[in-house]
Every structure is written in C-alpha cells, then in structure tokens.
Amino acid sequence: MYALFYDLETTDRNPIGQILNYSFILVDDDLRPIDELSGLVRISRLQLPEPGAILANRTDVIQHQKEASDYERDAMRKISDFIWSCIRTAKGAVSFIGYNSSRFDLQYLRTSLIRNGFNPYFDQKLSPRDLLHVVQKAYLTSPEMRERVRKVREGEKKLSLSLETVSHALGLLEGIQAHESRADVLLTIRLAEWLKREVGLDVATYEAYEGLRLHTTAGTGAVYCAHEPQYEMADREFAVRTPHTLLCADHKKALWINLERYAVRQEPSSIRWRSAQKSAFFVESQASTDRELQALARAAIKQFQGVTLNNFFRKSSCDVEQDIYRLDFQAMDLYCRAIQENKKEVLAPLKAPEAKILFTRYRLAAPELNLEEPATRELFKRYAIYRYGGDLQLSRNIDEGEERSPGSHHSRLSEMVTALEQNREAALIQKADADLRLLQSLEAFYRQSEVVKVAGRELLPNWR
C-alpha cells in the first residue's frame, strides 16, 4: 500500500494562521521514496506570525519572503494536484501520515485548502494516520523501545514522545531536530521504518483506535480498561490504566465514558469523542468483571442516555477559520466554485454567512489587491482590527458572560509585540544570537506589514 508522509511548518498554532513550508513524500510498500513535493509559501498580507511559532520553526521571516515565490493559493493548488497524482499512482487509497498530525497538521492543511477553493477530502481516497499513535502503542508494548526512550529522559520530570526525543532514543537523529518540513518528513519515514522492523507496527495499516471492535457493546454497561503512557517519570508504572464504558457508537465513531472521572464528578466532562483514523485509544478486548465498575457504568449510561453523537458537540461560535468544518458539503462545493470563477454571487443561495466571510478574506489576501482604493482599504482595516485587536474568537464555545481567558481569542498585536520583546530580553540574557536574529527579522516584518501600515494607529498607538 502506498503512503504519503507529510509535515508543515506554520505561522501560528491555530489554523487561522498559514503554512510557511511543506513537504509531501510518497513511498512504496517498503517505505522507499518514489515522488515528492516540497516548497515555501509567502506570508500573506493578512498574517503576522506568532513569536513562539517563529522560535519553534526557526524561520527568518524577511529571508523567507525573499526566497518564497508561491502565494498560499498557488501552493495549495500545487499540493492538491500532487495529492491527486499520488492517488492516481497508487490506483486507490493512500495512507496519509504525519507526526502528531491528527491534532495539528491535518486540520491546518484542510483549512488552508478549503479557504483557497480546494476540496480537502480527495474522494475519501486519503486514510489519515498519525505516527505518534504508533509510537505511543510501541511505548506500551515494546520494553526495548520504552527503556531507550526513558533513558534519554533520565533526570526529567516528564516523559516526552516528541519526534525529536524518540528519534534520539532510537539512534535515528543526532543533534537537534531541523524543524524544516522535508527534513522532518524524512526523519518520520526513518522512524516508521524502525517501528515496522523492530516492533512490527506498520503505520500505514495499524488502527490506533482499538475501540472499533467493541462498538457492538454500546449502551450495555460493559467495562473495558484503556491504556495510555504514564507521562510522570517518577511513577513506577509506565502505563495509566483507566476503566471506560461505551455510551453510543456508529460504524466509525463513538462516545466513551471515563469511569474514573465519572466516579469523582458525575458530569458530561467524563465523556470523550473517539473516532477511527483520528483517535488513539488502546483498549483491552476482555471486559472487566468488577461489579462495582459495572454498576458505575450502568449509572453513567442511564444518566447520559440523552447524549448522542448528533448532539454531543454544541454549535461552535468561534471564527470560521478555527472551525472550517462548519461548511457543509453544499457550502464547500459552492465556495470552491466561487473561488474558481471569482464570483461571490455564486454563494447567494447560502443562508449561513461562513462561505461569504471566507470569500471576502480570500480577496483581501490576494496579492493584486489595491489597498489604495478607499473602500478596499477600509475593509482591510476592519479585518485587521477584528483579528489583531482581540475580537477574533478561537475557543469553540464561550458562554454568555464568560470572561476572556488565555487562548480564547486571537492574540492582540500589542500582546504579540510584548511577547516578542520578552523573548528578545531572554535571548539577550542567554546570549542566544540566533534567537535574536529571528526576533529582529520578525519585528522588521511587523513594522513593514500592511496590517501595521493600515491599522497600526488603532492597534499600537504608542509603538515606537
């Protein structure tokens, strides 16, 4: 089975940000590369990278802008075309593999594709996999792998299963991780080879959601023990074992109740959504015979009998680019057509505003947009103030009257500048010259950005 490994470096931890560089490498059954696509993406006029992201991915943004030739829309076209070419090469389904990708890269890529007018589902011919899930399973089942990882973390309080840590432990990496997409993809492939050869776990075929075989027990009160790595290094046990019961399920997703949490507090917070190809859930197939746990499971199922897969999630109120999945298939098809034809009127049949909002932003990001035109400049200014003035909501839901909390909204530009200055002070103290150069480049980028030129007086009235 062919597999497509990928990695993204981005301007932000949230998908409203932008991909900076990317790499996709197609491999055969023996994990030998047979085709690839890698590239840089120019930073859009709507984007101001977060200082933390830049320090993590080590991107000199001024130099990046000199070297990158593709705008986001052009890069997404190349990526979409390449993925389709991989599907044609494979003549069928392709495993789509990243590292910690189910929680980050996959949503980021889908958001980037959609907002530039490309359907990210590829006729269901991509099967998402996450190598981190395989690493977690190997840590639980392979004493050799576990001992090697724990050895490199000796003296630390917390276990790390990052790509860098695991690759160091297994002798696959010397020095620090590059945090450059192509280098990270090649490292991910080497790690996948090791796990397949030494542990017998093939990321292209392994189903990390092991609860699927138990879906027929939904609502019965049967109790199963789930395992996950113990991240407290001081703990003598390497695994955490937690009893669960299955509330409801369909052919690929389910709601599981964590009975340990439920015993402490009988609230919906004990329920977790799990799904095939996205969730890691390592669970024993033999049901528990503990009568107290069985009674607890029956009580939980009775209490939550009105909670279903259809009503578990509240309707999100965050910005559409933080929850791109609010676009149903009809809205997505019309949006992609509107982008291709460059006609907003294509979206007229839609009652919900999300696609129209995305279309306006797509036009604002266009490099040919003339910001000297007064109406266009005013529209751009309103967006800049909305996003970098702190009104853009990131949290999926915020209750009425709930106070703003860290991470609930997009960072204000003033907060980003403060973070930049604090990181610069730390770099000066530590004599971290490389960090200083990255931060100086980022500040220069901020100052020459169209966001600051158009809305700087409102966003940073006292910035000198």
Protein backbone atom coordinates (compact mmCIF):
# COMPACT_ATOMS: atom_id res chain seq x y z
CA MET A 1 0.00 0.00 0.00
CA TYR A 2 1.37 3.41 -0.93
CA ALA A 3 1.75 6.00 1.82
CA LEU A 4 2.15 9.75 1.69
CA PHE A 5 4.18 11.27 4.54
CA TYR A 6 3.90 14.98 5.17
CA ASP A 7 4.84 17.83 7.51
CA LEU A 8 4.01 21.52 7.78
CA GLU A 9 5.70 24.46 9.47
CA THR A 10 3.33 27.32 10.23
CA THR A 11 2.97 30.90 11.45
CA ASP A 12 0.66 30.01 14.31
CA ARG A 13 -0.56 27.09 16.38
CA ASN A 14 -4.14 27.78 15.23
CA PRO A 15 -5.35 27.02 11.68
CA ILE A 16 -6.26 30.65 11.03
CA GLY A 17 -2.51 31.03 10.59
CA GLN A 18 -0.66 29.99 7.47
CA ILE A 19 1.69 27.29 6.24
CA LEU A 20 5.27 28.55 5.85
CA ASN A 21 6.86 25.46 4.33
CA TYR A 22 5.62 21.99 3.49
CA SER A 23 6.83 18.64 2.31
CA PHE A 24 5.00 15.59 0.96
CA ILE A 25 6.89 12.38 0.15
CA LEU A 26 5.20 9.37 -1.46
CA VAL A 27 6.67 5.97 -0.52
CA ASP A 28 6.07 2.40 -1.67
CA ASP A 29 5.30 -0.67 0.46
CA ASP A 30 8.93 -0.79 1.61
CA LEU A 31 8.84 2.92 2.62
CA ARG A 32 11.16 3.87 -0.24
CA PRO A 33 10.52 7.41 -1.58
CA ILE A 34 9.20 7.46 -5.14
CA ASP A 35 7.90 11.03 -5.50
CA GLU A 36 7.85 14.27 -3.54
CA LEU A 37 6.71 17.87 -3.36
CA SER A 38 8.29 20.45 -1.07
CA GLY A 39 8.07 24.21 -1.05
CA LEU A 40 7.86 27.58 0.66
CA VAL A 41 4.77 29.76 0.94
CA ARG A 42 4.93 33.55 1.00
CA ILE A 43 3.37 35.05 4.10
CA SER A 44 0.03 36.61 3.26
CA ARG A 45 -0.71 40.28 3.96
CA LEU A 46 -3.32 39.05 6.48
CA GLN A 47 -0.76 37.10 8.53
CA LEU A 48 1.52 38.25 11.34
CA PRO A 49 3.44 35.21 12.64
CA GLU A 50 3.43 34.48 16.38
CA PRO A 51 6.87 34.90 18.04
CA GLY A 52 6.60 31.46 19.65
CA ALA A 53 5.96 29.79 16.30
CA ILE A 54 8.94 31.52 14.70
CA LEU A 55 11.28 30.50 17.53
CA ALA A 56 9.99 26.92 17.20
CA ASN A 57 10.33 26.55 13.44
CA ARG A 58 13.45 28.78 13.19
CA THR A 59 12.18 30.84 10.24
CA ASP A 60 13.80 34.17 9.38
CA VAL A 61 10.65 35.74 8.00
CA ILE A 62 12.37 38.50 5.99
CA GLN A 63 14.65 35.97 4.32
CA HIS A 64 11.68 33.65 3.88
CA GLN A 65 9.80 36.31 1.91
CA LYS A 66 12.80 36.73 -0.39
CA GLU A 67 13.05 33.00 -1.09
CA ALA A 68 9.36 32.05 -1.28
CA SER A 69 7.73 32.65 -4.64
CA ASP A 70 4.33 30.97 -4.19
CA TYR A 71 1.41 32.71 -2.56
CA GLU A 72 -0.85 30.49 -0.49
CA ARG A 73 -3.39 29.97 -3.29
CA ASP A 74 -0.64 28.79 -5.67
CA ALA A 75 0.91 26.49 -3.06
CA MET A 76 -2.47 24.92 -2.27
CA ARG A 77 -3.03 24.27 -5.98
CA LYS A 78 0.34 22.50 -6.20
CA ILE A 79 -0.40 20.46 -3.08
CA SER A 80 -3.87 19.48 -4.28
CA ASP A 81 -2.54 18.47 -7.69
CA PHE A 82 0.29 16.46 -6.12
CA ILE A 83 -2.02 14.55 -3.77
CA TRP A 84 -4.28 13.67 -6.69
CA SER A 85 -1.23 12.47 -8.64
CA CYS A 86 -0.28 10.22 -5.70
CA ILE A 87 -3.79 8.75 -5.64
CA ARG A 88 -3.53 8.01 -9.37
CA THR A 89 -0.11 6.42 -8.87
CA ALA A 90 -1.46 4.23 -6.09
CA LYS A 91 -4.60 3.40 -8.10
CA GLY A 92 -6.57 3.55 -4.89
CA ALA A 93 -6.40 4.58 -1.26
CA VAL A 94 -3.26 6.20 0.13
CA SER A 95 -2.27 6.29 3.81
CA PHE A 96 -1.69 9.94 4.77
CA ILE A 97 0.88 10.08 7.55
CA GLY A 98 2.30 12.80 9.77
CA TYR A 99 3.66 13.09 13.29
CA ASN A 100 1.12 14.44 15.78
CA SER A 101 -0.79 15.28 12.62
CA SER A 102 -4.27 14.31 13.81
CA ARG A 103 -4.23 17.21 16.28
CA PHE A 104 -2.43 19.77 14.15
CA ASP A 105 -1.25 19.26 10.57
CA LEU A 106 -4.40 17.61 9.21
CA GLN A 107 -6.76 20.37 10.33
CA TYR A 108 -4.26 23.03 9.26
CA LEU A 109 -3.93 21.57 5.77
CA ARG A 110 -7.67 21.11 5.33
CA THR A 111 -8.35 24.68 6.44
CA SER A 112 -5.69 26.03 4.06
CA LEU A 113 -7.03 24.02 1.14
CA ILE A 114 -10.66 24.99 1.72
CA ARG A 115 -10.06 28.72 2.07
CA ASN A 116 -8.23 28.67 -1.27
CA GLY A 117 -11.01 26.80 -3.04
CA PHE A 118 -9.85 23.17 -2.94
CA ASN A 119 -11.82 20.26 -1.53
CA PRO A 120 -9.56 18.59 1.08
CA TYR A 121 -11.23 15.16 1.15
CA PHE A 122 -9.97 13.78 -2.19
CA ASP A 123 -12.98 11.49 -2.71
CA GLN A 124 -12.14 9.73 0.57
CA LYS A 125 -9.00 8.25 -1.04
CA LEU A 126 -6.71 9.50 1.78
CA SER A 127 -6.58 7.47 5.00
CA PRO A 128 -5.18 9.75 7.74
CA ARG A 129 -2.67 8.12 10.11
CA ASP A 130 -0.59 9.58 12.91
CA LEU A 131 2.84 8.09 13.65
CA LEU A 132 2.66 9.49 17.19
CA HIS A 133 -0.15 6.98 17.87
CA VAL A 134 2.12 4.14 16.75
CA VAL A 135 4.91 5.47 18.99
CA GLN A 136 2.51 5.53 21.95
CA LYS A 137 1.47 1.93 21.25
CA ALA A 138 5.10 0.85 20.88
CA TYR A 139 5.97 2.54 24.19
CA LEU A 140 3.27 0.46 25.88
CA THR A 141 4.14 -2.86 24.23
CA SER A 142 7.89 -2.84 23.48
CA PRO A 143 10.18 -2.98 26.56
CA GLU A 144 13.25 -2.22 24.41
CA MET A 145 11.73 0.89 22.85
CA ARG A 146 10.36 2.04 26.21
CA GLU A 147 13.69 1.65 28.00
CA ARG A 148 15.56 3.57 25.30
CA VAL A 149 13.11 6.46 25.40
CA ARG A 150 13.13 6.61 29.20
CA LYS A 151 16.93 6.56 29.22
CA VAL A 152 17.22 9.76 27.17
CA ARG A 153 14.69 11.39 29.54
CA GLU A 154 16.58 10.32 32.66
CA GLY A 155 16.51 13.11 35.24
CA GLU A 156 13.49 14.79 33.65
CA LYS A 157 10.10 15.07 35.36
CA LYS A 158 8.01 14.40 32.26
CA LEU A 159 8.14 11.77 29.57
CA SER A 160 8.35 13.14 26.04
CA LEU A 161 7.31 11.25 22.93
CA SER A 162 8.15 14.06 20.55
CA LEU A 163 9.66 13.18 17.19
CA GLU A 164 12.99 14.61 18.31
CA THR A 165 13.11 12.72 21.63
CA VAL A 166 12.07 9.35 20.20
CA SER A 167 14.41 9.66 17.21
CA HIS A 168 17.33 10.48 19.52
CA ALA A 169 16.48 7.49 21.71
CA LEU A 170 16.46 5.10 18.77
CA GLY A 171 19.65 6.44 17.20
CA LEU A 172 17.87 7.96 14.21
CA LEU A 173 18.86 11.57 14.89
CA GLU A 174 22.00 13.35 16.03
CA GLY A 175 21.86 16.94 17.21
CA ILE A 176 18.68 18.97 17.22
CA GLN A 177 15.63 18.44 15.04
CA ALA A 178 15.67 20.66 11.96
CA HIS A 179 12.01 21.78 12.17
CA GLU A 180 12.11 22.12 8.39
CA SER A 181 9.36 20.19 6.68
CA ARG A 182 11.37 18.00 4.30
CA ALA A 183 13.96 17.05 6.92
CA ASP A 184 11.18 16.23 9.40
CA VAL A 185 9.33 14.07 6.84
CA LEU A 186 12.48 12.08 6.11
CA LEU A 187 13.01 11.62 9.85
CA THR A 188 9.39 10.49 10.25
CA ILE A 189 9.90 7.90 7.49
CA ARG A 190 13.05 6.58 9.22
CA LEU A 191 11.13 6.26 12.48
CA ALA A 192 8.27 4.46 10.69
CA GLU A 193 10.82 2.02 9.20
CA TRP A 194 12.27 1.30 12.66
CA LEU A 195 8.85 0.68 14.21
CA LYS A 196 7.83 -1.62 11.37
CA ARG A 197 11.09 -3.58 11.51
CA GLU A 198 11.72 -3.74 15.26
CA VAL A 199 8.23 -3.64 16.80
CA GLY A 200 6.08 -5.00 13.99
CA LEU A 201 3.83 -1.93 13.86
CA ASP A 202 3.15 -0.60 10.36
CA VAL A 203 1.80 2.95 10.47
CA ALA A 204 0.21 2.52 7.04
CA THR A 205 -2.13 -0.20 8.29
CA TYR A 206 -2.26 -0.01 12.10
CA GLU A 207 -5.60 1.18 13.52
CA ALA A 208 -4.79 3.18 16.64
CA TYR A 209 -8.45 3.42 17.57
CA GLU A 210 -8.85 -0.05 19.03
CA GLY A 211 -12.37 0.58 20.27
CA LEU A 212 -13.97 -0.13 16.88
CA ARG A 213 -14.29 -3.85 17.57
CA LEU A 214 -16.26 -3.06 20.75
CA HIS A 215 -18.90 -0.82 19.17
CA THR A 216 -21.49 -3.60 19.39
CA THR A 217 -21.34 -3.26 23.20
CA ALA A 218 -22.56 0.37 23.19
CA GLY A 219 -25.05 1.07 25.96
CA THR A 220 -24.69 -2.37 27.58
CA GLY A 221 -22.61 -1.21 30.55
CA ALA A 222 -19.66 -3.42 29.68
CA VAL A 223 -16.43 -2.05 31.15
CA TYR A 224 -13.09 -2.05 29.35
CA CYS A 225 -9.68 -0.90 30.51
CA ALA A 226 -7.92 1.65 28.30
CA HIS A 227 -4.15 2.13 28.44
CA GLU A 228 -2.02 5.18 27.74
CA PRO A 229 1.60 6.11 28.52
CA GLN A 230 2.34 7.43 32.00
CA TYR A 231 3.99 10.80 31.46
CA GLU A 232 5.14 11.26 35.08
CA MET A 233 8.67 9.90 35.04
CA ALA A 234 8.72 9.41 38.82
CA ASP A 235 5.82 6.96 38.65
CA ARG A 236 6.91 3.33 38.79
CA GLU A 237 4.18 2.32 36.35
CA PHE A 238 4.84 3.06 32.67
CA ALA A 239 1.15 2.98 31.76
CA VAL A 240 -2.06 4.53 33.06
CA ARG A 241 -5.00 2.14 33.05
CA THR A 242 -8.48 3.63 33.15
CA PRO A 243 -11.88 1.90 33.08
CA HIS A 244 -14.29 3.04 30.35
CA THR A 245 -17.75 2.18 29.14
CA LEU A 246 -19.22 2.82 25.72
CA LEU A 247 -22.19 5.19 25.69
CA CYS A 248 -23.06 5.12 21.96
CA ALA A 249 -21.39 4.44 18.61
CA ASP A 250 -21.79 4.09 14.88
CA HIS A 251 -19.55 2.42 12.29
CA LYS A 252 -16.56 4.73 12.87
CA LYS A 253 -17.02 6.99 15.90
CA ALA A 254 -18.16 6.69 19.50
CA LEU A 255 -18.67 8.36 22.87
CA TRP A 256 -16.75 6.72 25.71
CA ILE A 257 -17.26 7.47 29.41
CA ASN A 258 -14.16 7.63 31.60
CA LEU A 259 -15.44 5.90 34.74
CA GLU A 260 -12.57 7.13 36.89
CA ARG A 261 -13.61 10.73 36.17
CA TYR A 262 -17.29 9.91 36.46
CA ALA A 263 -16.77 8.43 39.94
CA VAL A 264 -15.38 11.79 41.12
CA ARG A 265 -17.84 14.06 39.32
CA GLN A 266 -20.97 12.89 37.55
CA GLU A 267 -20.77 15.42 34.74
CA PRO A 268 -20.61 15.27 30.91
CA SER A 269 -16.91 16.20 31.12
CA SER A 270 -16.28 12.48 31.69
CA ILE A 271 -17.45 11.73 28.11
CA ARG A 272 -14.94 11.72 25.24
CA TRP A 273 -15.45 11.55 21.47
CA ARG A 274 -13.29 8.95 19.71
CA SER A 275 -13.11 8.06 16.03
CA ALA A 276 -11.32 5.77 13.61
CA GLN A 277 -8.20 7.19 11.88
CA LYS A 278 -8.12 10.22 14.20
CA SER A 279 -8.07 8.95 17.79
CA ALA A 280 -5.58 6.82 19.65
CA PHE A 281 -7.48 4.57 22.05
CA PHE A 282 -5.68 1.45 23.26
CA VAL A 283 -8.25 -0.73 24.96
CA GLU A 284 -8.37 -4.30 26.19
CA SER A 285 -10.83 -6.59 24.40
CA GLN A 286 -11.72 -8.51 27.56
CA ALA A 287 -14.46 -6.86 29.61
CA SER A 288 -13.92 -6.25 33.33
CA THR A 289 -15.77 -8.47 35.81
CA ASP A 290 -15.57 -5.87 38.59
CA ARG A 291 -19.16 -5.50 39.83
CA GLU A 292 -18.64 -2.05 41.29
CA LEU A 293 -17.32 -0.77 37.94
CA GLN A 294 -20.23 -2.43 36.12
CA ALA A 295 -22.71 -0.72 38.44
CA LEU A 296 -20.95 2.61 37.90
CA ALA A 297 -21.11 2.09 34.14
CA ARG A 298 -24.83 1.37 34.22
CA ALA A 299 -25.44 4.51 36.30
CA ALA A 300 -23.41 6.65 33.88
CA ILE A 301 -25.22 5.28 30.83
CA LYS A 302 -28.59 5.90 32.46
CA GLN A 303 -27.63 9.48 33.39
CA PHE A 304 -26.29 10.32 29.92
CA GLN A 305 -28.86 8.40 27.85
CA GLY A 306 -29.89 11.65 26.12
CA VAL A 307 -26.34 12.37 24.92
CA THR A 308 -25.76 11.18 21.36
CA LEU A 309 -23.23 11.53 18.56
CA ASN A 310 -25.56 14.09 16.99
CA ASN A 311 -25.89 16.41 19.99
CA PHE A 312 -22.60 15.89 21.83
CA PHE A 313 -20.94 18.98 20.35
CA ARG A 314 -22.54 22.36 20.87
CA LYS A 315 -22.72 24.52 17.79
CA SER A 316 -19.45 26.41 17.67
CA SER A 317 -19.34 30.19 17.86
CA CYS A 318 -15.66 30.65 17.06
CA ASP A 319 -14.24 32.20 13.91
CA VAL A 320 -14.95 30.12 10.81
CA GLU A 321 -11.24 29.52 10.10
CA GLN A 322 -10.91 27.99 13.56
CA ASP A 323 -13.76 25.59 12.74
CA ILE A 324 -13.72 25.20 8.97
CA TYR A 325 -15.91 22.10 9.28
CA ARG A 326 -18.94 24.33 9.76
CA LEU A 327 -19.06 24.47 5.96
CA ASP A 328 -21.26 21.57 4.90
CA PHE A 329 -20.63 19.84 1.58
CA GLN A 330 -23.04 22.08 -0.34
CA ALA A 331 -21.41 25.25 1.05
CA MET A 332 -17.94 23.88 0.34
CA ASP A 333 -18.80 22.98 -3.25
CA LEU A 334 -20.29 26.42 -3.89
CA TYR A 335 -17.34 28.13 -2.20
CA CYS A 336 -14.81 26.24 -4.32
CA ARG A 337 -16.77 27.16 -7.42
CA ALA A 338 -16.94 30.82 -6.36
CA ILE A 339 -13.14 30.88 -5.96
CA GLN A 340 -12.57 29.19 -9.32
CA GLU A 341 -14.91 31.60 -11.11
CA ASN A 342 -14.02 34.59 -8.90
CA LYS A 343 -17.71 35.34 -8.44
CA LYS A 344 -19.12 35.98 -4.98
CA GLU A 345 -22.66 35.80 -6.38
CA VAL A 346 -22.22 32.02 -6.68
CA LEU A 347 -22.67 31.97 -2.89
CA ALA A 348 -26.05 33.72 -2.99
CA PRO A 349 -28.10 30.52 -2.32
CA LEU A 350 -26.35 30.04 1.04
CA LYS A 351 -28.11 31.34 4.13
CA ALA A 352 -25.19 30.82 6.54
CA PRO A 353 -22.51 33.54 6.29
CA GLU A 354 -19.34 31.47 6.67
CA ALA A 355 -18.57 30.90 2.98
CA LYS A 356 -19.13 34.58 2.20
CA ILE A 357 -16.80 35.59 5.03
CA LEU A 358 -14.11 33.26 3.68
CA PHE A 359 -14.55 34.63 0.17
CA THR A 360 -14.04 38.21 1.38
CA ARG A 361 -10.86 37.19 3.21
CA TYR A 362 -9.62 35.31 0.15
CA ARG A 363 -9.91 38.53 -1.84
CA LEU A 364 -8.26 40.58 0.91
CA ALA A 365 -5.28 38.20 0.85
CA ALA A 366 -4.90 38.41 -2.94
CA PRO A 367 -1.51 39.97 -3.85
CA GLU A 368 -3.08 42.03 -6.63
CA LEU A 369 -5.48 43.75 -4.23
CA ASN A 370 -5.10 47.54 -4.33
CA LEU A 371 -5.14 48.90 -0.78
CA GLU A 372 -5.01 52.44 -2.07
CA GLU A 373 -8.65 52.14 -3.09
CA PRO A 374 -10.57 53.69 -0.11
CA ALA A 375 -13.35 51.09 0.23
CA THR A 376 -10.90 48.21 0.00
CA ARG A 377 -8.54 49.84 2.49
CA GLU A 378 -11.40 50.34 4.95
CA LEU A 379 -12.48 46.69 4.62
CA PHE A 380 -8.89 45.53 5.17
CA LYS A 381 -8.59 47.81 8.19
CA ARG A 382 -11.77 46.42 9.76
CA TYR A 383 -10.47 42.89 9.37
CA ALA A 384 -7.06 43.79 10.82
CA ILE A 385 -8.66 45.39 13.88
CA TYR A 386 -11.05 42.45 14.31
CA ARG A 387 -8.22 39.92 14.22
CA TYR A 388 -5.31 41.73 15.84
CA GLY A 389 -7.42 43.82 18.19
CA GLY A 390 -8.53 40.74 20.10
CA ASP A 391 -12.10 40.15 18.91
CA LEU A 392 -11.45 37.03 16.83
CA GLN A 393 -12.68 34.09 18.91
CA LEU A 394 -10.61 30.90 18.94
CA SER A 395 -12.41 28.90 21.63
CA ARG A 396 -15.09 26.74 20.09
CA ASN A 397 -17.70 27.92 22.58
CA ILE A 398 -17.86 30.76 25.09
CA ASP A 399 -20.84 31.02 27.42
CA GLU A 400 -22.61 34.34 27.73
CA GLY A 401 -20.96 36.41 30.43
CA GLU A 402 -17.84 34.18 30.49
CA GLU A 403 -14.65 36.18 30.93
CA ARG A 404 -11.93 36.20 28.31
CA SER A 405 -9.30 33.57 29.12
CA PRO A 406 -5.80 32.87 27.73
CA GLY A 407 -6.15 31.37 24.26
CA SER A 408 -9.87 32.06 23.96
CA HIS A 409 -9.24 34.80 21.39
CA HIS A 410 -6.58 35.62 18.84
CA SER A 411 -3.61 37.46 20.33
CA ARG A 412 -3.79 41.23 20.15
CA LEU A 413 -0.95 42.78 18.19
CA SER A 414 0.08 44.55 21.39
CA GLU A 415 0.38 41.15 23.09
CA MET A 416 2.41 39.76 20.19
CA VAL A 417 4.81 42.70 20.36
CA THR A 418 5.13 42.24 24.14
CA ALA A 419 5.89 38.55 23.64
CA LEU A 420 8.47 39.47 21.01
CA GLU A 421 10.17 41.92 23.37
CA GLN A 422 10.13 39.48 26.29
CA ASN A 423 11.69 36.77 24.14
CA ARG A 424 14.31 39.24 22.95
CA GLU A 425 15.22 40.14 26.55
CA ALA A 426 15.56 36.45 27.38
CA ALA A 427 17.74 35.91 24.30
CA LEU A 428 19.99 38.81 25.33
CA ILE A 429 20.44 37.36 28.81
CA GLN A 430 21.16 33.88 27.41
CA LYS A 431 23.32 35.32 24.61
CA ALA A 432 21.21 33.39 22.11
CA ASP A 433 22.33 35.24 18.99
CA ALA A 434 20.35 33.02 16.61
CA ASP A 435 17.11 33.77 18.51
CA LEU A 436 17.91 37.48 18.46
CA ARG A 437 18.30 37.46 14.69
CA LEU A 438 14.97 35.67 14.23
CA LEU A 439 13.18 38.13 16.52
CA GLN A 440 14.76 41.17 14.87
CA SER A 441 13.61 39.87 11.50
CA LEU A 442 10.11 39.31 12.88
CA GLU A 443 9.92 42.84 14.29
CA ALA A 444 11.01 44.26 10.94
CA PHE A 445 8.31 42.19 9.28
CA TYR A 446 5.68 43.53 11.68
CA ARG A 447 6.72 47.13 11.10
CA GLN A 448 6.61 46.88 7.31
CA SER A 449 3.40 44.81 7.23
CA GLU A 450 0.24 46.18 5.67
CA VAL A 451 -1.62 45.38 8.89
CA VAL A 452 0.53 47.90 10.77
CA LYS A 453 0.58 50.40 7.92
CA VAL A 454 -3.21 50.39 7.62
CA ALA A 455 -4.36 49.77 11.21
CA GLY A 456 -1.26 50.43 13.33
CA ARG A 457 -2.60 53.61 14.94
CA GLU A 458 -5.58 51.73 16.32
CA LEU A 459 -3.70 48.55 17.23
CA LEU A 460 -0.43 50.01 18.55
CA PRO A 461 -0.81 53.75 19.12
CA ASN A 462 2.33 54.02 21.26
CA TRP A 463 4.68 51.64 19.40
CA ARG A 464 7.99 53.33 18.72
